[in-house]
Amino acid sequence: MPGCRARRIVRFVATFTKILAATDFSDDSNYALEYAEELSRRFSAEILVVHVDQPLAPVMVSELSPGLDVGAMNRIAEEQRLLALRELDKITARLRDAGLKSRGVLKVGAPFLEIINAAQSDGADLIVLGTHGRSGLAHVLMGSVAERVVRKAHCPVLTIRHPDRKFRHPLDKPDKPEKSDKNGK
């Protein structure tokens, strides 16, 4: 028809072969891992479980604990990494027992950068991670790993908010405690 543009409809069907599930071993990331597991089952995809150890800068350590020497700091960091490796092993063993192909990876550095780098270098088609729901000043000061991953990742990112976490807009007024009667009830 003259003057009529034909619309080309493109249908996209997502398929995933490797899913990166980021974890900090919190309830939030464990909840997000459940989504990664289900997607892995549906697509027969491998799950790459990534934990990033973010060491404290020496300046922060000296501020927090002036008597702590560098050797002690290194021993604590190494213990922390060993604990993280054990947790990763538990998670991947559980996933394998459930019939899923999985492996754990421990990275050291800035969480959002290491998650993005691991996803790229391992060829992940999807990143799944939990959100902690920080808002207001905590969000401004600490930032959001999930937000940074979403902005910089080369592949789709699925962020999962734990159902027990309520979003609070920074401008919302705090909830008022319920008034009790004269008897304190």
C-alpha atoms as a PDB file:
ATOM      1  CA  MET A   1       0.000   0.000   0.000  1.00  0.00           C
ATOM      2  CA  PRO A   2       1.361   3.396  -0.893  1.00  0.00           C
ATOM      3  CA  GLY A   3       2.182   5.613   2.075  1.00  0.00           C
ATOM      4  CA  CYS A   4       1.952   2.703   4.512  1.00  0.00           C
ATOM      5  CA  ARG A   5       5.032   1.438   6.257  1.00  0.00           C
ATOM      6  CA  ALA A   6       5.255  -2.233   6.926  1.00  0.00           C
ATOM      7  CA  ARG A   7       6.367  -2.979  10.439  1.00  0.00           C
ATOM      8  CA  ARG A   8       8.865  -5.687  10.836  1.00  0.00           C
ATOM      9  CA  ILE A   9       8.222  -7.677  13.958  1.00  0.00           C
ATOM     10  CA  VAL A  10      11.293  -9.212  15.471  1.00  0.00           C
ATOM     11  CA  ARG A  11      10.762 -11.904  18.038  1.00  0.00           C
ATOM     12  CA  PHE A  12      13.557 -12.429  20.480  1.00  0.00           C
ATOM     13  CA  VAL A  13      13.830 -15.656  22.365  1.00  0.00           C
ATOM     14  CA  ALA A  14      16.354 -15.603  25.169  1.00  0.00           C
ATOM     15  CA  THR A  15      18.588 -18.604  25.602  1.00  0.00           C
ATOM     16  CA  PHE A  16      21.230 -18.894  28.241  1.00  0.00           C
ATOM     17  CA  THR A  17      24.169 -21.279  28.333  1.00  0.00           C
ATOM     18  CA  LYS A  18      26.085 -19.752  31.243  1.00  0.00           C
ATOM     19  CA  ILE A  19      24.591 -17.813  34.137  1.00  0.00           C
ATOM     20  CA  LEU A  20      26.775 -15.883  36.548  1.00  0.00           C
ATOM     21  CA  ALA A  21      25.219 -15.766  40.014  1.00  0.00           C
ATOM     22  CA  ALA A  22      26.969 -13.272  42.280  1.00  0.00           C
ATOM     23  CA  THR A  23      26.911 -14.012  45.992  1.00  0.00           C
ATOM     24  CA  ASP A  24      28.024 -12.394  49.205  1.00  0.00           C
ATOM     25  CA  PHE A  25      26.436 -15.308  51.129  1.00  0.00           C
ATOM     26  CA  SER A  26      23.649 -13.072  52.459  1.00  0.00           C
ATOM     27  CA  ASP A  27      19.939 -13.944  52.473  1.00  0.00           C
ATOM     28  CA  ASP A  28      19.509 -11.507  49.588  1.00  0.00           C
ATOM     29  CA  SER A  29      22.042 -13.238  47.358  1.00  0.00           C
ATOM     30  CA  ASN A  30      20.829 -16.718  48.391  1.00  0.00           C
ATOM     31  CA  TYR A  31      17.330 -15.712  47.323  1.00  0.00           C
ATOM     32  CA  ALA A  32      18.674 -14.482  43.963  1.00  0.00           C
ATOM     33  CA  LEU A  33      20.591 -17.749  43.571  1.00  0.00           C
ATOM     34  CA  GLU A  34      17.259 -19.604  43.632  1.00  0.00           C
ATOM     35  CA  TYR A  35      16.278 -17.698  40.479  1.00  0.00           C
ATOM     36  CA  ALA A  36      19.603 -18.572  38.846  1.00  0.00           C
ATOM     37  CA  GLU A  37      19.011 -22.238  39.709  1.00  0.00           C
ATOM     38  CA  GLU A  38      15.573 -22.266  38.123  1.00  0.00           C
ATOM     39  CA  LEU A  39      16.837 -20.543  34.984  1.00  0.00           C
ATOM     40  CA  SER A  40      19.706 -23.017  34.839  1.00  0.00           C
ATOM     41  CA  ARG A  41      17.231 -25.914  34.917  1.00  0.00           C
ATOM     42  CA  ARG A  42      15.028 -24.416  32.218  1.00  0.00           C
ATOM     43  CA  PHE A  43      17.895 -23.619  29.844  1.00  0.00           C
ATOM     44  CA  SER A  44      20.311 -26.408  30.835  1.00  0.00           C
ATOM     45  CA  ALA A  45      22.795 -23.643  31.567  1.00  0.00           C
ATOM     46  CA  GLU A  46      25.925 -23.767  33.681  1.00  0.00           C
ATOM     47  CA  ILE A  47      25.909 -21.646  36.835  1.00  0.00           C
ATOM     48  CA  LEU A  48      29.074 -19.752  37.657  1.00  0.00           C
ATOM     49  CA  VAL A  49      28.824 -18.747  41.336  1.00  0.00           C
ATOM     50  CA  VAL A  50      31.065 -15.729  41.957  1.00  0.00           C
ATOM     51  CA  HIS A  51      32.026 -14.244  45.301  1.00  0.00           C
ATOM     52  CA  VAL A  52      34.144 -11.095  45.474  1.00  0.00           C
ATOM     53  CA  ASP A  53      36.284 -10.454  48.514  1.00  0.00           C
ATOM     54  CA  GLN A  54      36.697  -6.735  48.933  1.00  0.00           C
ATOM     55  CA  PRO A  55      39.710  -6.136  51.165  1.00  0.00           C
ATOM     56  CA  LEU A  56      39.834  -3.078  53.376  1.00  0.00           C
ATOM     57  CA  ALA A  57      42.302  -0.467  52.282  1.00  0.00           C
ATOM     58  CA  PRO A  58      45.325  -0.262  54.638  1.00  0.00           C
ATOM     59  CA  VAL A  59      44.354   3.304  55.547  1.00  0.00           C
ATOM     60  CA  MET A  60      40.910   2.125  56.693  1.00  0.00           C
ATOM     61  CA  VAL A  61      42.413  -0.711  58.719  1.00  0.00           C
ATOM     62  CA  SER A  62      44.863   1.599  60.485  1.00  0.00           C
ATOM     63  CA  GLU A  63      41.989   3.968  61.283  1.00  0.00           C
ATOM     64  CA  LEU A  64      39.773   1.161  62.631  1.00  0.00           C
ATOM     65  CA  SER A  65      42.462  -0.691  64.547  1.00  0.00           C
ATOM     66  CA  PRO A  66      45.698   1.274  65.027  1.00  0.00           C
ATOM     67  CA  GLY A  67      47.550  -1.634  66.689  1.00  0.00           C
ATOM     68  CA  LEU A  68      46.935  -4.078  63.810  1.00  0.00           C
ATOM     69  CA  ASP A  69      50.039  -4.748  61.740  1.00  0.00           C
ATOM     70  CA  VAL A  70      50.177  -5.626  58.039  1.00  0.00           C
ATOM     71  CA  GLY A  71      51.029  -9.279  58.763  1.00  0.00           C
ATOM     72  CA  ALA A  72      47.959  -9.693  60.959  1.00  0.00           C
ATOM     73  CA  MET A  73      45.847  -7.960  58.339  1.00  0.00           C
ATOM     74  CA  ASN A  74      47.092 -10.375  55.659  1.00  0.00           C
ATOM     75  CA  ARG A  75      46.362 -13.402  57.868  1.00  0.00           C
ATOM     76  CA  ILE A  76      42.828 -12.162  58.515  1.00  0.00           C
ATOM     77  CA  ALA A  77      42.297 -11.580  54.787  1.00  0.00           C
ATOM     78  CA  GLU A  78      43.558 -15.083  53.988  1.00  0.00           C
ATOM     79  CA  GLU A  79      41.234 -16.626  56.597  1.00  0.00           C
ATOM     80  CA  GLN A  80      38.359 -14.656  55.134  1.00  0.00           C
ATOM     81  CA  ARG A  81      39.155 -15.997  51.653  1.00  0.00           C
ATOM     82  CA  LEU A  82      39.387 -19.583  52.913  1.00  0.00           C
ATOM     83  CA  LEU A  83      35.973 -19.247  54.553  1.00  0.00           C
ATOM     84  CA  ALA A  84      34.578 -17.833  51.301  1.00  0.00           C
ATOM     85  CA  LEU A  85      36.053 -20.748  49.320  1.00  0.00           C
ATOM     86  CA  ARG A  86      34.408 -23.224  51.705  1.00  0.00           C
ATOM     87  CA  GLU A  87      31.050 -21.493  51.277  1.00  0.00           C
ATOM     88  CA  LEU A  88      31.453 -21.489  47.489  1.00  0.00           C
ATOM     89  CA  ASP A  89      32.270 -25.210  47.604  1.00  0.00           C
ATOM     90  CA  LYS A  90      29.114 -25.879  49.649  1.00  0.00           C
ATOM     91  CA  ILE A  91      26.952 -23.977  47.183  1.00  0.00           C
ATOM     92  CA  THR A  92      28.418 -25.599  44.078  1.00  0.00           C
ATOM     93  CA  ALA A  93      28.240 -29.081  45.659  1.00  0.00           C
ATOM     94  CA  ARG A  94      24.557 -28.505  46.433  1.00  0.00           C
ATOM     95  CA  LEU A  95      23.926 -27.333  42.863  1.00  0.00           C
ATOM     96  CA  ARG A  96      25.726 -30.368  41.421  1.00  0.00           C
ATOM     97  CA  ASP A  97      23.758 -32.670  43.726  1.00  0.00           C
ATOM     98  CA  ALA A  98      20.627 -31.081  42.238  1.00  0.00           C
ATOM     99  CA  GLY A  99      21.876 -32.082  38.776  1.00  0.00           C
ATOM    100  CA  LEU A 100      23.130 -28.655  37.681  1.00  0.00           C
ATOM    101  CA  LYS A 101      26.490 -27.908  36.137  1.00  0.00           C
ATOM    102  CA  SER A 102      28.206 -25.357  38.356  1.00  0.00           C
ATOM    103  CA  ARG A 103      31.497 -24.011  39.528  1.00  0.00           C
ATOM    104  CA  GLY A 104      32.565 -21.430  42.076  1.00  0.00           C
ATOM    105  CA  VAL A 105      34.958 -18.548  41.543  1.00  0.00           C
ATOM    106  CA  LEU A 106      36.533 -16.339  44.183  1.00  0.00           C
ATOM    107  CA  LYS A 107      37.706 -12.916  43.053  1.00  0.00           C
ATOM    108  CA  VAL A 108      39.431 -10.150  44.998  1.00  0.00           C
ATOM    109  CA  GLY A 109      38.730  -6.497  44.289  1.00  0.00           C
ATOM    110  CA  ALA A 110      35.826  -4.128  43.736  1.00  0.00           C
ATOM    111  CA  PRO A 111      32.668  -6.287  43.573  1.00  0.00           C
ATOM    112  CA  PHE A 112      30.992  -4.632  40.593  1.00  0.00           C
ATOM    113  CA  LEU A 113      34.173  -4.671  38.502  1.00  0.00           C
ATOM    114  CA  GLU A 114      35.035  -8.270  39.335  1.00  0.00           C
ATOM    115  CA  ILE A 115      31.490  -9.450  38.595  1.00  0.00           C
ATOM    116  CA  ILE A 116      31.534  -7.718  35.208  1.00  0.00           C
ATOM    117  CA  ASN A 117      35.037  -8.986  34.386  1.00  0.00           C
ATOM    118  CA  ALA A 118      34.143 -12.565  35.377  1.00  0.00           C
ATOM    119  CA  ALA A 119      30.983 -12.438  33.259  1.00  0.00           C
ATOM    120  CA  GLN A 120      32.953 -11.245  30.234  1.00  0.00           C
ATOM    121  CA  SER A 121      35.945 -13.559  30.597  1.00  0.00           C
ATOM    122  CA  ASP A 122      33.769 -16.636  31.245  1.00  0.00           C
ATOM    123  CA  GLY A 123      31.245 -15.829  28.523  1.00  0.00           C
ATOM    124  CA  ALA A 124      28.187 -15.463  30.745  1.00  0.00           C
ATOM    125  CA  ASP A 125      24.923 -14.728  28.929  1.00  0.00           C
ATOM    126  CA  LEU A 126      23.177 -13.506  32.080  1.00  0.00           C
ATOM    127  CA  ILE A 127      24.143 -12.100  35.465  1.00  0.00           C
ATOM    128  CA  VAL A 128      21.838 -12.734  38.429  1.00  0.00           C
ATOM    129  CA  LEU A 129      22.349 -10.879  41.691  1.00  0.00           C
ATOM    130  CA  GLY A 130      20.425  -9.756  44.708  1.00  0.00           C
ATOM    131  CA  THR A 131      19.854  -6.207  45.777  1.00  0.00           C
ATOM    132  CA  HIS A 132      20.200  -5.040  49.341  1.00  0.00           C
ATOM    133  CA  GLY A 133      17.730  -2.200  48.983  1.00  0.00           C
ATOM    134  CA  ARG A 134      19.844   0.523  50.541  1.00  0.00           C
ATOM    135  CA  SER A 135      18.346   3.951  50.156  1.00  0.00           C
ATOM    136  CA  GLY A 136      19.050   7.486  51.161  1.00  0.00           C
ATOM    137  CA  LEU A 137      22.458   8.341  52.584  1.00  0.00           C
ATOM    138  CA  ALA A 138      23.615   4.685  52.773  1.00  0.00           C
ATOM    139  CA  HIS A 139      22.996   4.350  49.026  1.00  0.00           C
ATOM    140  CA  VAL A 140      24.803   7.595  48.273  1.00  0.00           C
ATOM    141  CA  LEU A 141      27.837   6.703  50.408  1.00  0.00           C
ATOM    142  CA  MET A 142      28.104   2.992  49.618  1.00  0.00           C
ATOM    143  CA  GLY A 143      26.597   2.923  46.161  1.00  0.00           C
ATOM    144  CA  SER A 144      24.939  -0.111  44.747  1.00  0.00           C
ATOM    145  CA  VAL A 145      26.858  -3.034  43.308  1.00  0.00           C
ATOM    146  CA  ALA A 146      23.733  -4.160  41.460  1.00  0.00           C
ATOM    147  CA  GLU A 147      23.173  -0.713  39.973  1.00  0.00           C
ATOM    148  CA  ARG A 148      26.753  -0.499  38.717  1.00  0.00           C
ATOM    149  CA  VAL A 149      26.628  -4.004  37.253  1.00  0.00           C
ATOM    150  CA  VAL A 150      23.395  -3.169  35.425  1.00  0.00           C
ATOM    151  CA  ARG A 151      24.958  -0.040  33.932  1.00  0.00           C
ATOM    152  CA  LYS A 152      28.241  -1.606  32.813  1.00  0.00           C
ATOM    153  CA  ALA A 153      27.583  -5.275  32.038  1.00  0.00           C
ATOM    154  CA  HIS A 154      27.893  -6.607  28.495  1.00  0.00           C
ATOM    155  CA  CYS A 155      24.948  -8.985  28.971  1.00  0.00           C
ATOM    156  CA  PRO A 156      21.481  -8.869  30.545  1.00  0.00           C
ATOM    157  CA  VAL A 157      21.349  -8.523  34.333  1.00  0.00           C
ATOM    158  CA  LEU A 158      18.551  -9.871  36.486  1.00  0.00           C
ATOM    159  CA  THR A 159      18.369  -8.163  39.869  1.00  0.00           C
ATOM    160  CA  ILE A 160      16.302  -9.815  42.564  1.00  0.00           C
ATOM    161  CA  ARG A 161      15.002  -8.015  45.631  1.00  0.00           C
ATOM    162  CA  HIS A 162      14.344 -10.205  48.649  1.00  0.00           C
ATOM    163  CA  PRO A 163      10.600 -10.113  49.427  1.00  0.00           C
ATOM    164  CA  ASP A 164      11.290  -9.106  53.031  1.00  0.00           C
ATOM    165  CA  ARG A 165      13.073  -5.922  51.911  1.00  0.00           C
ATOM    166  CA  LYS A 166      10.816  -2.939  51.489  1.00  0.00           C
ATOM    167  CA  PHE A 167      11.764  -0.113  49.182  1.00  0.00           C
ATOM    168  CA  ARG A 168      11.877   3.209  50.983  1.00  0.00           C
ATOM    169  CA  HIS A 169      12.063   6.343  48.949  1.00  0.00           C
ATOM    170  CA  PRO A 170      14.534   8.796  50.516  1.00  0.00           C
ATOM    171  CA  LEU A 171      11.808  11.442  50.736  1.00  0.00           C
ATOM    172  CA  ASP A 172       9.311   9.145  52.496  1.00  0.00           C
ATOM    173  CA  LYS A 173       8.576  10.038  56.093  1.00  0.00           C
ATOM    174  CA  PRO A 174       9.544   7.396  58.651  1.00  0.00           C
ATOM    175  CA  ASP A 175       6.731   5.222  59.961  1.00  0.00           C
ATOM    176  CA  LYS A 176       5.225   6.546  63.167  1.00  0.00           C
ATOM    177  CA  PRO A 177       5.148   4.083  66.044  1.00  0.00           C
ATOM    178  CA  GLU A 178       1.651   3.031  67.019  1.00  0.00           C
ATOM    179  CA  LYS A 179       0.259   4.918  69.987  1.00  0.00           C
ATOM    180  CA  SER A 180      -0.473   2.867  73.033  1.00  0.00           C
ATOM    181  CA  ASP A 181      -3.330   3.471  75.427  1.00  0.00           C
ATOM    182  CA  LYS A 182      -2.882   4.597  79.036  1.00  0.00           C
ATOM    183  CA  ASN A 183      -2.046   1.074  80.193  1.00  0.00           C
ATOM    184  CA  GLY A 184       0.846   0.769  77.739  1.00  0.00           C
ATOM    185  CA  LYS A 185      -1.035  -1.615  75.449  1.00  0.00           C
END
